[in-house]
Amino acid sequence: MKWRWLLIFPLAWGVWEHWASRPIVHPPGVLVSAEPVQSDLNGPPGVLAKHGYQILPLQSFSLAARVLSTARYRFDEGADISPVDLALGWGRMSDQSVLNEFDISQSGRFYFWHVKRFPIPRREIETHSANMHMIPADDEIERRLESIRVGQIVSLEGYLVEVRAPSGWRWRSSLTREDTGAGACELVWVEKLEAH
């Protein structure tokens, strides 16, 4: 009889995990119309610290966006400071009727999308979606980041930053939503986070 429970428990756990992390589907329509907000710092930036890294704020940053994809990282060079990447969309990149045309994935700290036909212009896709590397300011923010589901609307506040490791390794945020490719991702120190 015990062997049955040894089979049933992992199966039930897997079903629950799949159900709890399933994507959220919305009715058609733009869910987030506002653009991300970025501004100069008031006064000289203070240096933040986490896990032995120095974190230099470059700009204040806030946004509301729809989650297009999530990825957890455990083994790359930045994983101990940025364990979660979020691919985010706003404007028409938050509209379910547009996103139905997309295949979206993440790998190697990049966000990839593919369409058979363009529902909106390519440049609008590039300027209204982004892969963002999240640096949680504390354990509670990290727990929230790790529980975010595709389709949720997130609101966050913090800074775009540069990370400096004792080894000399550096990781710097993009400071514009206009760029694409390597180096175009935002590196975000997250101080406030809500997801719904």
N, C-alpha and C. Protein backbone atom coordinates (compact mmCIF):
# COMPACT_ATOMS: atom_id res chain seq x y z
N MET A 1 0.81 -1.20 0.00
CA MET A 1 0.00 0.00 0.00
C MET A 1 0.86 1.27 0.00
N LYS A 2 2.01 1.22 0.77
CA LYS A 2 2.86 2.40 0.86
C LYS A 2 3.43 2.78 -0.51
N TRP A 3 3.71 1.79 -1.33
CA TRP A 3 4.32 2.10 -2.64
C TRP A 3 3.37 2.93 -3.50
N ARG A 4 2.06 2.75 -3.31
CA ARG A 4 1.10 3.55 -4.07
C ARG A 4 1.24 5.04 -3.73
N TRP A 5 1.40 5.33 -2.41
CA TRP A 5 1.58 6.72 -2.01
C TRP A 5 2.87 7.29 -2.56
N LEU A 6 3.89 6.45 -2.69
CA LEU A 6 5.16 6.92 -3.25
C LEU A 6 5.00 7.31 -4.72
N LEU A 7 4.03 6.73 -5.40
CA LEU A 7 3.75 7.10 -6.79
C LEU A 7 2.75 8.26 -6.88
N ILE A 8 1.74 8.23 -6.01
CA ILE A 8 0.67 9.23 -6.08
C ILE A 8 1.15 10.61 -5.65
N PHE A 9 1.95 10.66 -4.57
CA PHE A 9 2.36 11.97 -4.05
C PHE A 9 3.14 12.79 -5.08
N PRO A 10 4.19 12.25 -5.73
CA PRO A 10 4.89 13.06 -6.74
C PRO A 10 4.00 13.48 -7.91
N LEU A 11 3.09 12.60 -8.31
CA LEU A 11 2.17 12.93 -9.39
C LEU A 11 1.24 14.08 -8.98
N ALA A 12 0.69 13.99 -7.77
CA ALA A 12 -0.20 15.05 -7.28
C ALA A 12 0.57 16.36 -7.14
N TRP A 13 1.80 16.30 -6.66
CA TRP A 13 2.62 17.51 -6.52
C TRP A 13 2.87 18.14 -7.88
N GLY A 14 3.17 17.33 -8.88
CA GLY A 14 3.42 17.83 -10.23
C GLY A 14 2.18 18.49 -10.82
N VAL A 15 1.02 17.89 -10.60
CA VAL A 15 -0.24 18.46 -11.10
C VAL A 15 -0.50 19.80 -10.42
N TRP A 16 -0.30 19.87 -9.10
CA TRP A 16 -0.52 21.12 -8.38
C TRP A 16 0.45 22.20 -8.86
N GLU A 17 1.73 21.87 -9.02
CA GLU A 17 2.73 22.83 -9.50
C GLU A 17 2.34 23.39 -10.87
N HIS A 18 1.90 22.50 -11.76
CA HIS A 18 1.50 22.93 -13.11
C HIS A 18 0.29 23.86 -13.03
N TRP A 19 -0.67 23.51 -12.22
CA TRP A 19 -1.88 24.33 -12.09
C TRP A 19 -1.55 25.69 -11.48
N ALA A 20 -0.70 25.71 -10.44
CA ALA A 20 -0.38 26.96 -9.74
C ALA A 20 0.45 27.91 -10.59
N SER A 21 1.20 27.38 -11.56
CA SER A 21 2.07 28.24 -12.36
C SER A 21 1.55 28.45 -13.78
N ARG A 22 0.31 28.01 -14.07
CA ARG A 22 -0.23 28.12 -15.42
C ARG A 22 -0.34 29.58 -15.84
N PRO A 23 -0.17 29.87 -17.12
CA PRO A 23 -0.31 31.25 -17.59
C PRO A 23 -1.72 31.78 -17.39
N ILE A 24 -1.82 33.08 -17.18
CA ILE A 24 -3.11 33.74 -17.06
C ILE A 24 -3.47 34.32 -18.42
N VAL A 25 -4.67 33.99 -18.88
CA VAL A 25 -5.15 34.49 -20.18
C VAL A 25 -6.18 35.58 -19.91
N HIS A 26 -6.07 36.67 -20.66
CA HIS A 26 -6.96 37.82 -20.47
C HIS A 26 -7.85 38.00 -21.70
N PRO A 27 -8.94 38.73 -21.57
CA PRO A 27 -9.73 39.10 -22.75
C PRO A 27 -8.91 40.07 -23.61
N PRO A 28 -9.28 40.22 -24.89
CA PRO A 28 -8.55 41.16 -25.76
C PRO A 28 -8.57 42.58 -25.20
N GLY A 29 -7.52 43.33 -25.51
CA GLY A 29 -7.42 44.73 -25.09
C GLY A 29 -6.10 45.02 -24.41
N VAL A 30 -5.65 46.25 -24.54
CA VAL A 30 -4.40 46.68 -23.90
C VAL A 30 -4.61 46.72 -22.39
N LEU A 31 -3.75 46.03 -21.66
CA LEU A 31 -3.86 45.98 -20.20
C LEU A 31 -3.00 47.03 -19.52
N VAL A 32 -1.90 47.41 -20.15
CA VAL A 32 -0.99 48.41 -19.59
C VAL A 32 -0.67 49.41 -20.69
N SER A 33 -1.16 50.64 -20.54
CA SER A 33 -0.93 51.64 -21.59
C SER A 33 0.27 52.53 -21.29
N ALA A 34 0.65 52.65 -20.03
CA ALA A 34 1.74 53.56 -19.64
C ALA A 34 3.10 53.01 -20.04
N GLU A 35 4.00 53.91 -20.41
CA GLU A 35 5.39 53.57 -20.70
C GLU A 35 6.17 53.46 -19.39
N PRO A 36 7.27 52.68 -19.37
CA PRO A 36 8.15 52.71 -18.20
C PRO A 36 8.64 54.13 -17.92
N VAL A 37 8.88 54.43 -16.65
CA VAL A 37 9.33 55.77 -16.24
C VAL A 37 10.75 55.67 -15.69
N GLN A 38 11.61 56.48 -16.25
CA GLN A 38 13.02 56.48 -15.88
C GLN A 38 13.43 57.93 -15.66
N SER A 39 14.21 58.19 -14.60
CA SER A 39 14.59 59.58 -14.33
C SER A 39 15.94 59.64 -13.65
N ASP A 40 16.57 60.82 -13.74
CA ASP A 40 17.84 61.04 -13.07
C ASP A 40 17.67 60.92 -11.57
N LEU A 41 18.75 60.55 -10.91
CA LEU A 41 18.73 60.43 -9.45
C LEU A 41 18.78 61.82 -8.82
N ASN A 42 18.16 61.93 -7.66
CA ASN A 42 18.24 63.19 -6.89
C ASN A 42 19.51 63.14 -6.05
N GLY A 43 20.52 63.89 -6.47
CA GLY A 43 21.78 63.91 -5.73
C GLY A 43 22.68 62.75 -6.11
N PRO A 44 23.87 62.70 -5.52
CA PRO A 44 24.83 61.63 -5.85
C PRO A 44 24.25 60.27 -5.44
N PRO A 45 24.41 59.27 -6.30
CA PRO A 45 23.84 57.96 -5.96
C PRO A 45 24.62 57.29 -4.83
N GLY A 46 23.89 56.68 -3.92
CA GLY A 46 24.53 55.85 -2.91
C GLY A 46 24.82 54.49 -3.50
N VAL A 47 25.83 53.82 -3.00
CA VAL A 47 26.17 52.48 -3.49
C VAL A 47 25.46 51.46 -2.61
N LEU A 48 24.72 50.57 -3.24
CA LEU A 48 24.04 49.48 -2.55
C LEU A 48 24.96 48.26 -2.53
N ALA A 49 24.64 47.28 -1.71
CA ALA A 49 25.46 46.07 -1.64
C ALA A 49 24.57 44.85 -1.46
N LYS A 50 25.01 43.75 -2.07
CA LYS A 50 24.30 42.48 -1.90
C LYS A 50 25.25 41.34 -2.25
N HIS A 51 25.36 40.35 -1.37
CA HIS A 51 26.19 39.16 -1.59
C HIS A 51 27.61 39.52 -2.02
N GLY A 52 28.15 40.58 -1.48
CA GLY A 52 29.52 40.96 -1.81
C GLY A 52 29.67 41.79 -3.07
N TYR A 53 28.58 42.06 -3.76
CA TYR A 53 28.61 42.89 -4.96
C TYR A 53 28.32 44.34 -4.59
N GLN A 54 28.94 45.28 -5.29
CA GLN A 54 28.56 46.68 -5.22
C GLN A 54 27.52 46.95 -6.30
N ILE A 55 26.50 47.68 -5.96
CA ILE A 55 25.43 47.97 -6.90
C ILE A 55 25.28 49.48 -6.99
N LEU A 56 25.58 50.02 -8.15
CA LEU A 56 25.57 51.46 -8.35
C LEU A 56 24.29 51.87 -9.08
N PRO A 57 23.38 52.59 -8.42
CA PRO A 57 22.19 53.08 -9.12
C PRO A 57 22.56 54.07 -10.22
N LEU A 58 21.95 53.89 -11.40
CA LEU A 58 22.20 54.76 -12.54
C LEU A 58 21.03 55.70 -12.80
N GLN A 59 19.81 55.18 -12.67
CA GLN A 59 18.59 55.96 -12.90
C GLN A 59 17.49 55.37 -12.02
N SER A 60 16.56 56.22 -11.57
CA SER A 60 15.35 55.72 -10.93
C SER A 60 14.49 55.08 -12.01
N PHE A 61 13.73 54.04 -11.64
CA PHE A 61 12.99 53.29 -12.64
C PHE A 61 11.71 52.74 -12.04
N SER A 62 10.62 52.84 -12.79
CA SER A 62 9.37 52.20 -12.38
C SER A 62 8.60 51.81 -13.63
N LEU A 63 7.79 50.79 -13.51
CA LEU A 63 6.94 50.41 -14.62
C LEU A 63 5.81 49.52 -14.15
N ALA A 64 4.77 49.48 -14.97
CA ALA A 64 3.74 48.46 -14.90
C ALA A 64 3.81 47.75 -16.24
N ALA A 65 3.69 46.43 -16.23
CA ALA A 65 3.81 45.66 -17.47
C ALA A 65 3.17 44.30 -17.31
N ARG A 66 2.85 43.70 -18.43
CA ARG A 66 2.35 42.32 -18.44
C ARG A 66 3.53 41.37 -18.55
N VAL A 67 3.47 40.29 -17.81
CA VAL A 67 4.54 39.29 -17.85
C VAL A 67 4.34 38.39 -19.06
N LEU A 68 5.32 38.40 -19.96
CA LEU A 68 5.28 37.59 -21.17
C LEU A 68 5.95 36.24 -20.97
N SER A 69 6.95 36.20 -20.10
CA SER A 69 7.69 34.97 -19.82
C SER A 69 8.50 35.18 -18.55
N THR A 70 8.83 34.10 -17.86
CA THR A 70 9.71 34.16 -16.70
C THR A 70 10.79 33.10 -16.83
N ALA A 71 11.96 33.39 -16.28
CA ALA A 71 13.05 32.42 -16.28
C ALA A 71 13.82 32.54 -14.97
N ARG A 72 14.12 31.40 -14.37
CA ARG A 72 14.94 31.37 -13.16
C ARG A 72 16.34 30.92 -13.54
N TYR A 73 17.32 31.52 -12.89
CA TYR A 73 18.72 31.18 -13.15
C TYR A 73 19.39 30.81 -11.84
N ARG A 74 20.14 29.71 -11.87
CA ARG A 74 20.80 29.22 -10.66
C ARG A 74 22.31 29.08 -10.83
N PHE A 75 22.80 29.00 -12.06
CA PHE A 75 24.19 28.60 -12.24
C PHE A 75 25.03 29.57 -13.07
N ASP A 76 24.45 30.60 -13.66
CA ASP A 76 25.27 31.51 -14.45
C ASP A 76 25.95 32.53 -13.53
N GLU A 77 26.78 33.38 -14.10
CA GLU A 77 27.60 34.29 -13.31
C GLU A 77 26.77 35.26 -12.48
N GLY A 78 25.60 35.63 -12.95
CA GLY A 78 24.78 36.59 -12.22
C GLY A 78 23.70 35.99 -11.35
N ALA A 79 23.63 34.65 -11.29
CA ALA A 79 22.48 34.00 -10.65
C ALA A 79 22.35 34.31 -9.16
N ASP A 80 23.47 34.46 -8.46
CA ASP A 80 23.36 34.69 -7.02
C ASP A 80 22.86 36.08 -6.69
N ILE A 81 22.93 36.99 -7.64
CA ILE A 81 22.42 38.35 -7.39
C ILE A 81 21.11 38.63 -8.15
N SER A 82 20.94 37.99 -9.31
CA SER A 82 19.72 38.16 -10.12
C SER A 82 19.18 36.80 -10.50
N PRO A 83 18.36 36.19 -9.63
CA PRO A 83 17.89 34.83 -9.87
C PRO A 83 16.71 34.71 -10.83
N VAL A 84 16.09 35.85 -11.18
CA VAL A 84 14.89 35.81 -12.03
C VAL A 84 14.99 36.86 -13.12
N ASP A 85 14.66 36.46 -14.35
CA ASP A 85 14.45 37.40 -15.46
C ASP A 85 12.96 37.41 -15.79
N LEU A 86 12.45 38.59 -16.09
CA LEU A 86 11.08 38.72 -16.56
C LEU A 86 11.10 39.34 -17.95
N ALA A 87 10.44 38.70 -18.91
CA ALA A 87 10.15 39.34 -20.19
C ALA A 87 8.83 40.06 -20.01
N LEU A 88 8.83 41.36 -20.27
CA LEU A 88 7.68 42.20 -19.96
C LEU A 88 7.20 42.95 -21.20
N GLY A 89 5.89 43.20 -21.26
CA GLY A 89 5.32 43.94 -22.38
C GLY A 89 4.34 44.99 -21.89
N TRP A 90 4.28 46.10 -22.62
CA TRP A 90 3.33 47.18 -22.32
C TRP A 90 2.79 47.71 -23.64
N GLY A 91 1.81 48.61 -23.56
CA GLY A 91 1.14 49.04 -24.79
C GLY A 91 0.49 47.82 -25.45
N ARG A 92 0.57 47.76 -26.78
CA ARG A 92 -0.07 46.63 -27.47
C ARG A 92 0.62 45.30 -27.19
N MET A 93 1.81 45.33 -26.60
CA MET A 93 2.45 44.08 -26.18
C MET A 93 1.90 43.57 -24.84
N SER A 94 0.82 44.18 -24.37
CA SER A 94 0.08 43.64 -23.23
C SER A 94 -1.31 43.15 -23.64
N ASP A 95 -1.60 43.20 -24.93
CA ASP A 95 -2.92 42.86 -25.47
C ASP A 95 -2.96 41.37 -25.84
N GLN A 96 -3.88 40.64 -25.25
CA GLN A 96 -3.98 39.20 -25.51
C GLN A 96 -4.16 38.89 -26.99
N SER A 97 -4.94 39.70 -27.70
CA SER A 97 -5.19 39.42 -29.12
C SER A 97 -3.91 39.57 -29.94
N VAL A 98 -3.00 40.42 -29.53
CA VAL A 98 -1.68 40.53 -30.17
C VAL A 98 -0.79 39.37 -29.75
N LEU A 99 -0.75 39.09 -28.47
CA LEU A 99 0.16 38.05 -27.95
C LEU A 99 -0.23 36.66 -28.40
N ASN A 100 -1.47 36.45 -28.79
CA ASN A 100 -1.88 35.14 -29.31
C ASN A 100 -1.08 34.75 -30.55
N GLU A 101 -0.49 35.73 -31.24
CA GLU A 101 0.28 35.47 -32.46
C GLU A 101 1.74 35.09 -32.16
N PHE A 102 2.15 35.16 -30.91
CA PHE A 102 3.56 35.01 -30.54
C PHE A 102 3.88 33.66 -29.93
N ASP A 103 5.10 33.18 -30.20
CA ASP A 103 5.76 32.15 -29.40
C ASP A 103 6.87 32.89 -28.67
N ILE A 104 6.88 32.81 -27.35
CA ILE A 104 7.84 33.56 -26.53
C ILE A 104 8.60 32.59 -25.64
N SER A 105 9.91 32.81 -25.53
CA SER A 105 10.74 31.98 -24.66
C SER A 105 11.90 32.82 -24.11
N GLN A 106 12.60 32.25 -23.14
CA GLN A 106 13.79 32.87 -22.57
C GLN A 106 14.87 31.81 -22.41
N SER A 107 16.11 32.22 -22.62
CA SER A 107 17.25 31.32 -22.44
C SER A 107 18.53 32.14 -22.44
N GLY A 108 19.48 31.75 -21.58
CA GLY A 108 20.77 32.41 -21.58
C GLY A 108 20.70 33.90 -21.34
N ARG A 109 19.73 34.33 -20.55
CA ARG A 109 19.51 35.74 -20.22
C ARG A 109 18.98 36.57 -21.39
N PHE A 110 18.44 35.90 -22.40
CA PHE A 110 17.81 36.59 -23.52
C PHE A 110 16.34 36.22 -23.58
N TYR A 111 15.55 37.09 -24.22
CA TYR A 111 14.13 36.87 -24.47
C TYR A 111 13.97 36.74 -25.98
N PHE A 112 13.27 35.69 -26.40
CA PHE A 112 13.09 35.40 -27.82
C PHE A 112 11.61 35.40 -28.17
N TRP A 113 11.28 35.95 -29.32
CA TRP A 113 9.90 35.88 -29.78
C TRP A 113 9.89 35.48 -31.26
N HIS A 114 8.80 34.85 -31.65
CA HIS A 114 8.63 34.42 -33.03
C HIS A 114 7.16 34.60 -33.41
N VAL A 115 6.93 35.12 -34.61
CA VAL A 115 5.58 35.24 -35.13
C VAL A 115 5.54 34.70 -36.55
N LYS A 116 4.41 34.13 -36.94
CA LYS A 116 4.23 33.71 -38.34
C LYS A 116 3.84 34.92 -39.19
N ARG A 117 3.11 35.84 -38.59
CA ARG A 117 2.78 37.10 -39.24
C ARG A 117 2.80 38.18 -38.17
N PHE A 118 3.19 39.38 -38.54
CA PHE A 118 3.31 40.45 -37.56
C PHE A 118 1.95 41.06 -37.26
N PRO A 119 1.48 40.95 -36.01
CA PRO A 119 0.21 41.58 -35.65
C PRO A 119 0.37 43.09 -35.44
N ILE A 120 1.57 43.52 -35.11
CA ILE A 120 1.94 44.94 -34.98
C ILE A 120 3.33 45.08 -35.58
N PRO A 121 3.79 46.29 -35.89
CA PRO A 121 5.11 46.45 -36.50
C PRO A 121 6.24 45.94 -35.61
N ARG A 122 7.28 45.40 -36.25
CA ARG A 122 8.44 44.87 -35.54
C ARG A 122 9.00 45.90 -34.55
N ARG A 123 9.16 47.14 -34.98
CA ARG A 123 9.76 48.15 -34.12
C ARG A 123 8.93 48.39 -32.87
N GLU A 124 7.61 48.29 -32.99
CA GLU A 124 6.76 48.44 -31.81
C GLU A 124 6.97 47.29 -30.84
N ILE A 125 7.16 46.10 -31.36
CA ILE A 125 7.47 44.95 -30.50
C ILE A 125 8.77 45.21 -29.74
N GLU A 126 9.78 45.69 -30.46
CA GLU A 126 11.10 45.90 -29.87
C GLU A 126 11.11 47.00 -28.81
N THR A 127 10.27 48.02 -28.98
CA THR A 127 10.27 49.14 -28.05
C THR A 127 9.20 49.04 -26.97
N HIS A 128 8.34 48.02 -27.06
CA HIS A 128 7.28 47.84 -26.07
C HIS A 128 7.34 46.49 -25.36
N SER A 129 8.50 45.87 -25.42
CA SER A 129 8.75 44.66 -24.64
C SER A 129 10.24 44.60 -24.36
N ALA A 130 10.59 43.91 -23.28
CA ALA A 130 12.00 43.84 -22.89
C ALA A 130 12.22 42.68 -21.95
N ASN A 131 13.45 42.16 -21.97
CA ASN A 131 13.89 41.20 -20.97
C ASN A 131 14.59 41.97 -19.86
N MET A 132 14.17 41.77 -18.63
CA MET A 132 14.74 42.51 -17.51
C MET A 132 15.27 41.54 -16.47
N HIS A 133 16.53 41.77 -16.06
CA HIS A 133 17.19 40.98 -15.02
C HIS A 133 16.84 41.62 -13.67
N MET A 134 16.20 40.86 -12.80
CA MET A 134 15.71 41.40 -11.54
C MET A 134 16.66 41.11 -10.39
N ILE A 135 17.02 42.16 -9.66
CA ILE A 135 17.82 42.02 -8.44
C ILE A 135 16.91 42.37 -7.26
N PRO A 136 16.46 41.38 -6.52
CA PRO A 136 15.56 41.68 -5.40
C PRO A 136 16.29 42.37 -4.26
N ALA A 137 15.70 43.43 -3.72
CA ALA A 137 16.32 44.18 -2.64
C ALA A 137 16.31 43.40 -1.33
N ASP A 138 15.36 42.46 -1.18
CA ASP A 138 15.30 41.66 0.06
C ASP A 138 14.65 40.31 -0.24
N ASP A 139 14.58 39.48 0.79
CA ASP A 139 14.07 38.10 0.63
C ASP A 139 12.60 38.08 0.23
N GLU A 140 11.81 39.01 0.74
CA GLU A 140 10.38 39.04 0.40
C GLU A 140 10.17 39.35 -1.07
N ILE A 141 10.93 40.32 -1.60
CA ILE A 141 10.84 40.64 -3.03
C ILE A 141 11.27 39.43 -3.85
N GLU A 142 12.31 38.73 -3.40
CA GLU A 142 12.77 37.54 -4.13
C GLU A 142 11.68 36.47 -4.17
N ARG A 143 11.01 36.24 -3.05
CA ARG A 143 9.91 35.25 -3.03
C ARG A 143 8.81 35.66 -4.00
N ARG A 144 8.47 36.94 -4.02
CA ARG A 144 7.43 37.40 -4.95
C ARG A 144 7.86 37.21 -6.40
N LEU A 145 9.11 37.56 -6.70
CA LEU A 145 9.60 37.37 -8.08
C LEU A 145 9.52 35.92 -8.51
N GLU A 146 9.88 35.02 -7.62
CA GLU A 146 9.90 33.59 -7.96
C GLU A 146 8.50 33.01 -8.13
N SER A 147 7.48 33.70 -7.63
CA SER A 147 6.11 33.17 -7.75
C SER A 147 5.31 33.82 -8.89
N ILE A 148 5.92 34.73 -9.62
CA ILE A 148 5.20 35.43 -10.69
C ILE A 148 4.86 34.48 -11.82
N ARG A 149 3.65 34.65 -12.37
CA ARG A 149 3.15 33.81 -13.45
C ARG A 149 3.05 34.60 -14.74
N VAL A 150 3.21 33.91 -15.85
CA VAL A 150 2.99 34.52 -17.16
C VAL A 150 1.55 35.02 -17.23
N GLY A 151 1.38 36.24 -17.72
CA GLY A 151 0.07 36.85 -17.82
C GLY A 151 -0.27 37.81 -16.71
N GLN A 152 0.46 37.73 -15.59
CA GLN A 152 0.19 38.67 -14.51
C GLN A 152 0.62 40.08 -14.92
N ILE A 153 0.02 41.06 -14.26
CA ILE A 153 0.45 42.45 -14.39
C ILE A 153 1.31 42.75 -13.17
N VAL A 154 2.53 43.22 -13.42
CA VAL A 154 3.43 43.57 -12.33
C VAL A 154 3.65 45.08 -12.32
N SER A 155 3.79 45.62 -11.13
CA SER A 155 4.19 47.01 -10.93
C SER A 155 5.42 46.97 -10.05
N LEU A 156 6.46 47.68 -10.47
CA LEU A 156 7.68 47.67 -9.67
C LEU A 156 8.32 49.04 -9.65
N GLU A 157 9.13 49.26 -8.60
CA GLU A 157 9.90 50.49 -8.45
C GLU A 157 11.29 50.12 -7.97
N GLY A 158 12.27 50.89 -8.42
CA GLY A 158 13.64 50.67 -8.00
C GLY A 158 14.59 51.49 -8.83
N TYR A 159 15.69 50.86 -9.23
CA TYR A 159 16.73 51.55 -9.99
C TYR A 159 17.25 50.68 -11.12
N LEU A 160 17.66 51.31 -12.20
CA LEU A 160 18.51 50.66 -13.19
C LEU A 160 19.93 50.80 -12.65
N VAL A 161 20.70 49.71 -12.70
CA VAL A 161 21.96 49.69 -11.95
C VAL A 161 23.12 49.10 -12.76
N GLU A 162 24.29 49.31 -12.21
CA GLU A 162 25.50 48.60 -12.63
C GLU A 162 25.97 47.78 -11.44
N VAL A 163 26.29 46.51 -11.69
CA VAL A 163 26.77 45.61 -10.65
C VAL A 163 28.28 45.43 -10.83
N ARG A 164 29.00 45.50 -9.72
CA ARG A 164 30.45 45.31 -9.74
C ARG A 164 30.81 44.22 -8.74
N ALA A 165 31.51 43.20 -9.24
CA ALA A 165 31.93 42.08 -8.39
C ALA A 165 33.36 42.31 -7.92
N PRO A 166 33.74 41.72 -6.78
CA PRO A 166 35.12 41.84 -6.31
C PRO A 166 36.15 41.34 -7.34
N SER A 167 35.74 40.41 -8.19
CA SER A 167 36.64 39.86 -9.21
C SER A 167 36.93 40.85 -10.34
N GLY A 168 36.16 41.94 -10.40
CA GLY A 168 36.29 42.89 -11.49
C GLY A 168 35.19 42.77 -12.54
N TRP A 169 34.40 41.68 -12.45
CA TRP A 169 33.29 41.48 -13.38
C TRP A 169 32.26 42.58 -13.19
N ARG A 170 31.71 43.08 -14.30
CA ARG A 170 30.69 44.13 -14.24
C ARG A 170 29.50 43.75 -15.11
N TRP A 171 28.35 44.23 -14.68
CA TRP A 171 27.10 43.98 -15.40
C TRP A 171 26.33 45.28 -15.37
N ARG A 172 26.07 45.88 -16.52
CA ARG A 172 25.46 47.21 -16.57
C ARG A 172 24.13 47.18 -17.31
N SER A 173 23.16 47.90 -16.75
CA SER A 173 21.83 47.98 -17.35
C SER A 173 21.85 48.84 -18.61
N SER A 174 20.99 48.48 -19.54
CA SER A 174 20.62 49.40 -20.61
C SER A 174 19.86 50.57 -19.98
N LEU A 175 19.98 51.73 -20.58
CA LEU A 175 19.27 52.91 -20.07
C LEU A 175 18.25 53.42 -21.07
N THR A 176 17.86 52.57 -22.03
CA THR A 176 16.86 52.96 -23.02
C THR A 176 16.01 51.76 -23.39
N ARG A 177 14.78 52.01 -23.81
CA ARG A 177 13.92 50.93 -24.33
C ARG A 177 14.04 50.83 -25.85
N GLU A 178 14.91 51.60 -26.44
CA GLU A 178 15.03 51.66 -27.89
C GLU A 178 16.03 50.66 -28.47
N ASP A 179 16.86 50.05 -27.62
CA ASP A 179 17.91 49.17 -28.13
C ASP A 179 17.44 47.71 -28.21
N THR A 180 18.21 46.89 -28.92
CA THR A 180 17.92 45.46 -29.06
C THR A 180 19.23 44.69 -29.01
N GLY A 181 19.12 43.37 -28.79
CA GLY A 181 20.31 42.52 -28.83
C GLY A 181 21.09 42.52 -27.53
N ALA A 182 22.34 42.02 -27.60
CA ALA A 182 23.20 41.91 -26.42
C ALA A 182 23.41 43.28 -25.81
N GLY A 183 23.27 43.36 -24.49
CA GLY A 183 23.44 44.62 -23.77
C GLY A 183 22.19 45.47 -23.70
N ALA A 184 21.10 45.00 -24.30
CA ALA A 184 19.87 45.81 -24.34
C ALA A 184 18.94 45.54 -23.15
N CYS A 185 19.27 44.59 -22.31
CA CYS A 185 18.39 44.25 -21.19
C CYS A 185 18.57 45.24 -20.04
N GLU A 186 17.50 45.42 -19.30
CA GLU A 186 17.56 46.24 -18.10
C GLU A 186 17.99 45.38 -16.91
N LEU A 187 18.82 45.93 -16.07
CA LEU A 187 19.24 45.30 -14.83
C LEU A 187 18.62 46.14 -13.71
N VAL A 188 17.62 45.55 -13.03
CA VAL A 188 16.74 46.34 -12.15
C VAL A 188 16.89 45.91 -10.70
N TRP A 189 17.29 46.87 -9.87
CA TRP A 189 17.24 46.70 -8.41
C TRP A 189 15.80 46.96 -8.00
N VAL A 190 15.11 45.93 -7.50
CA VAL A 190 13.66 46.01 -7.23
C VAL A 190 13.43 46.24 -5.74
N GLU A 191 12.88 47.42 -5.42
CA GLU A 191 12.58 47.75 -4.03
C GLU A 191 11.11 47.57 -3.69
N LYS A 192 10.23 47.74 -4.68
CA LYS A 192 8.80 47.53 -4.48
C LYS A 192 8.28 46.68 -5.62
N LEU A 193 7.39 45.75 -5.33
CA LEU A 193 6.86 44.85 -6.34
C LEU A 193 5.45 44.41 -5.98
N GLU A 194 4.54 44.57 -6.91
CA GLU A 194 3.19 44.03 -6.76
C GLU A 194 2.86 43.26 -8.04
N ALA A 195 2.17 42.15 -7.89
CA ALA A 195 1.74 41.34 -9.03
C ALA A 195 0.28 40.96 -8.84
N HIS A 196 -0.51 41.11 -9.91
CA HIS A 196 -1.93 40.73 -9.84
C HIS A 196 -2.39 40.26 -11.20
